[in-house]
Amino acid sequence: MWLVLSGGRKSLILGGLVVLSLGGAYKLMRVHSRDPLFTITPRQMPACDGAFSRLGLYSTVAGSQQAKLTGLSVQKIDTFAELAADPGTSPDRRVCLATVFTNAGRKLVGLTLSWANNAKDGAYLQLPYGID
């Protein structure tokens, strides 16, 4: 069927597919940017075991270069613990430890949460020691 179509019609069909793909990607980005699980309360550091930390840890580990190179996949993110003795003394940073189950076994992963900007309306999740 494709071979029977004229060059103009092929271009029109391909152009339509490109527009639909771009529209879908735009919609996906808009939905993700409004995802309530990634929304935080300004000036309130997300909790170690909160949705922001869990989803951030999952996407960081699953999207890491190491995971791509080795075929590592996250199966479950289990327990979280906050390592800071008194979160009241360091409200701009949380140090956490999480148990992550992967296809390579159970991993203990250290992570830090800090503010992404001076307005304190966005947080930054970092794995300072990676995942081994």
Protein backbone atom coordinates (compact mmCIF):
# COMPACT_ATOMS: atom_id res chain seq x y z
CA MET A 1 0.00 0.00 0.00
CA TRP A 2 2.81 2.41 0.94
CA LEU A 3 4.51 1.95 -2.44
CA VAL A 4 1.31 2.85 -4.30
CA LEU A 5 0.94 6.29 -2.66
CA SER A 6 2.35 9.34 -4.40
CA GLY A 7 5.27 11.29 -2.93
CA GLY A 8 2.97 14.12 -1.81
CA ARG A 9 0.64 11.77 0.06
CA LYS A 10 3.55 10.01 1.73
CA SER A 11 4.87 13.37 2.91
CA LEU A 12 1.43 14.34 4.18
CA ILE A 13 1.08 11.10 6.14
CA LEU A 14 4.60 11.35 7.59
CA GLY A 15 4.01 15.00 8.49
CA GLY A 16 0.78 14.07 10.26
CA LEU A 17 2.55 11.36 12.23
CA VAL A 18 5.30 13.79 13.24
CA VAL A 19 2.72 16.36 14.41
CA LEU A 20 0.86 13.69 16.41
CA SER A 21 4.10 12.48 17.97
CA LEU A 22 5.17 16.00 18.94
CA GLY A 23 1.72 16.75 20.32
CA GLY A 24 1.80 13.57 22.41
CA ALA A 25 5.29 14.38 23.72
CA TYR A 26 4.21 17.92 24.60
CA LYS A 27 1.14 16.61 26.44
CA LEU A 28 3.24 14.04 28.31
CA MET A 29 5.70 16.75 29.42
CA ARG A 30 2.84 19.00 30.56
CA VAL A 31 1.20 16.20 32.56
CA HIS A 32 4.52 15.21 34.17
CA SER A 33 5.31 18.82 35.08
CA ARG A 34 2.01 18.99 37.00
CA ASP A 35 2.41 15.56 38.59
CA PRO A 36 1.34 16.05 42.23
CA LEU A 37 3.84 13.41 43.37
CA PHE A 38 6.73 15.64 42.26
CA THR A 39 5.17 18.77 43.77
CA ILE A 40 6.60 19.97 47.06
CA THR A 41 5.44 22.57 49.54
CA PRO A 42 7.69 25.65 49.22
CA ARG A 43 10.12 26.08 52.13
CA GLN A 44 9.29 22.58 53.45
CA MET A 45 12.00 20.01 52.71
CA PRO A 46 10.48 16.74 51.41
CA ALA A 47 10.60 13.80 53.80
CA CYS A 48 12.99 10.93 53.19
CA ASP A 49 10.14 8.46 52.81
CA GLY A 50 7.79 10.77 50.89
CA ALA A 51 6.54 10.40 47.32
CA PHE A 52 9.07 12.94 45.99
CA SER A 53 11.99 10.93 47.40
CA ARG A 54 10.64 7.56 46.34
CA LEU A 55 9.89 8.58 42.75
CA GLY A 56 13.08 10.61 42.51
CA LEU A 57 15.18 7.69 43.74
CA TYR A 58 13.44 5.28 41.38
CA SER A 59 13.92 7.49 38.32
CA THR A 60 17.53 8.33 39.26
CA VAL A 61 18.54 4.68 39.69
CA ALA A 62 16.52 3.35 36.74
CA GLY A 63 17.80 6.12 34.44
CA SER A 64 21.44 5.96 35.53
CA GLN A 65 24.24 5.18 33.12
CA GLN A 66 25.18 2.16 35.23
CA ALA A 67 21.65 0.74 34.95
CA LYS A 68 21.70 1.20 31.19
CA LEU A 69 25.11 -0.41 30.78
CA THR A 70 24.50 -3.37 33.10
CA GLY A 71 20.79 -3.99 32.58
CA LEU A 72 20.02 -3.09 36.19
CA SER A 73 16.31 -2.69 36.87
CA VAL A 74 14.54 -1.47 40.00
CA GLN A 75 11.97 -3.91 41.31
CA LYS A 76 11.00 -2.24 44.58
CA ILE A 77 12.00 0.64 46.81
CA ASP A 78 11.45 -0.49 50.37
CA THR A 79 12.41 1.18 53.64
CA PHE A 80 13.79 4.69 54.15
CA ALA A 81 15.64 6.02 57.16
CA GLU A 82 16.71 9.57 57.90
CA LEU A 83 20.33 9.68 59.04
CA ALA A 84 20.33 13.25 60.37
CA ALA A 85 20.20 13.23 64.17
CA ASP A 86 17.97 16.33 64.34
CA PRO A 87 16.28 17.53 61.15
CA GLY A 88 15.46 20.78 62.96
CA THR A 89 19.15 21.74 63.01
CA SER A 90 19.62 21.32 59.25
CA PRO A 91 16.30 22.23 57.60
CA ASP A 92 17.98 22.84 54.21
CA ARG A 93 19.27 19.29 53.80
CA ARG A 94 18.22 15.72 54.54
CA VAL A 95 20.51 12.71 54.51
CA CYS A 96 18.64 9.47 53.91
CA LEU A 97 19.28 5.76 53.47
CA ALA A 98 16.97 3.59 51.36
CA THR A 99 16.69 -0.11 50.64
CA VAL A 100 16.33 -0.72 46.92
CA PHE A 101 15.60 -4.16 45.48
CA THR A 102 16.96 -4.67 41.97
CA ASN A 103 17.42 -7.61 39.63
CA ALA A 104 20.98 -7.75 41.06
CA GLY A 105 19.82 -8.03 44.67
CA ARG A 106 19.19 -5.72 47.63
CA LYS A 107 21.11 -2.44 47.72
CA LEU A 108 21.44 0.16 50.47
CA VAL A 109 21.52 3.56 48.80
CA GLY A 110 22.47 6.82 50.50
CA LEU A 111 20.82 9.96 49.18
CA THR A 112 20.69 13.62 50.02
CA LEU A 113 17.87 16.08 49.52
CA SER A 114 18.70 19.76 49.24
CA TRP A 115 17.08 22.88 47.84
CA ALA A 116 17.40 23.39 44.09
CA ASN A 117 17.11 27.20 44.34
CA ASN A 118 17.02 30.13 46.75
CA ALA A 119 13.22 30.35 46.59
CA LYS A 120 13.10 26.87 48.21
CA ASP A 121 10.30 25.75 45.92
CA GLY A 122 12.19 22.89 44.28
CA ALA A 123 14.32 20.10 45.71
CA TYR A 124 17.36 18.28 44.36
CA LEU A 125 17.95 14.57 45.02
CA GLN A 126 21.53 13.30 44.78
CA LEU A 127 23.15 9.90 45.22
CA PRO A 128 26.63 10.96 46.39
CA TYR A 129 27.96 7.39 46.52
CA GLY A 130 26.01 6.01 43.57
CA ILE A 131 24.57 2.53 43.70
CA ASP A 132 26.85 -0.49 43.92
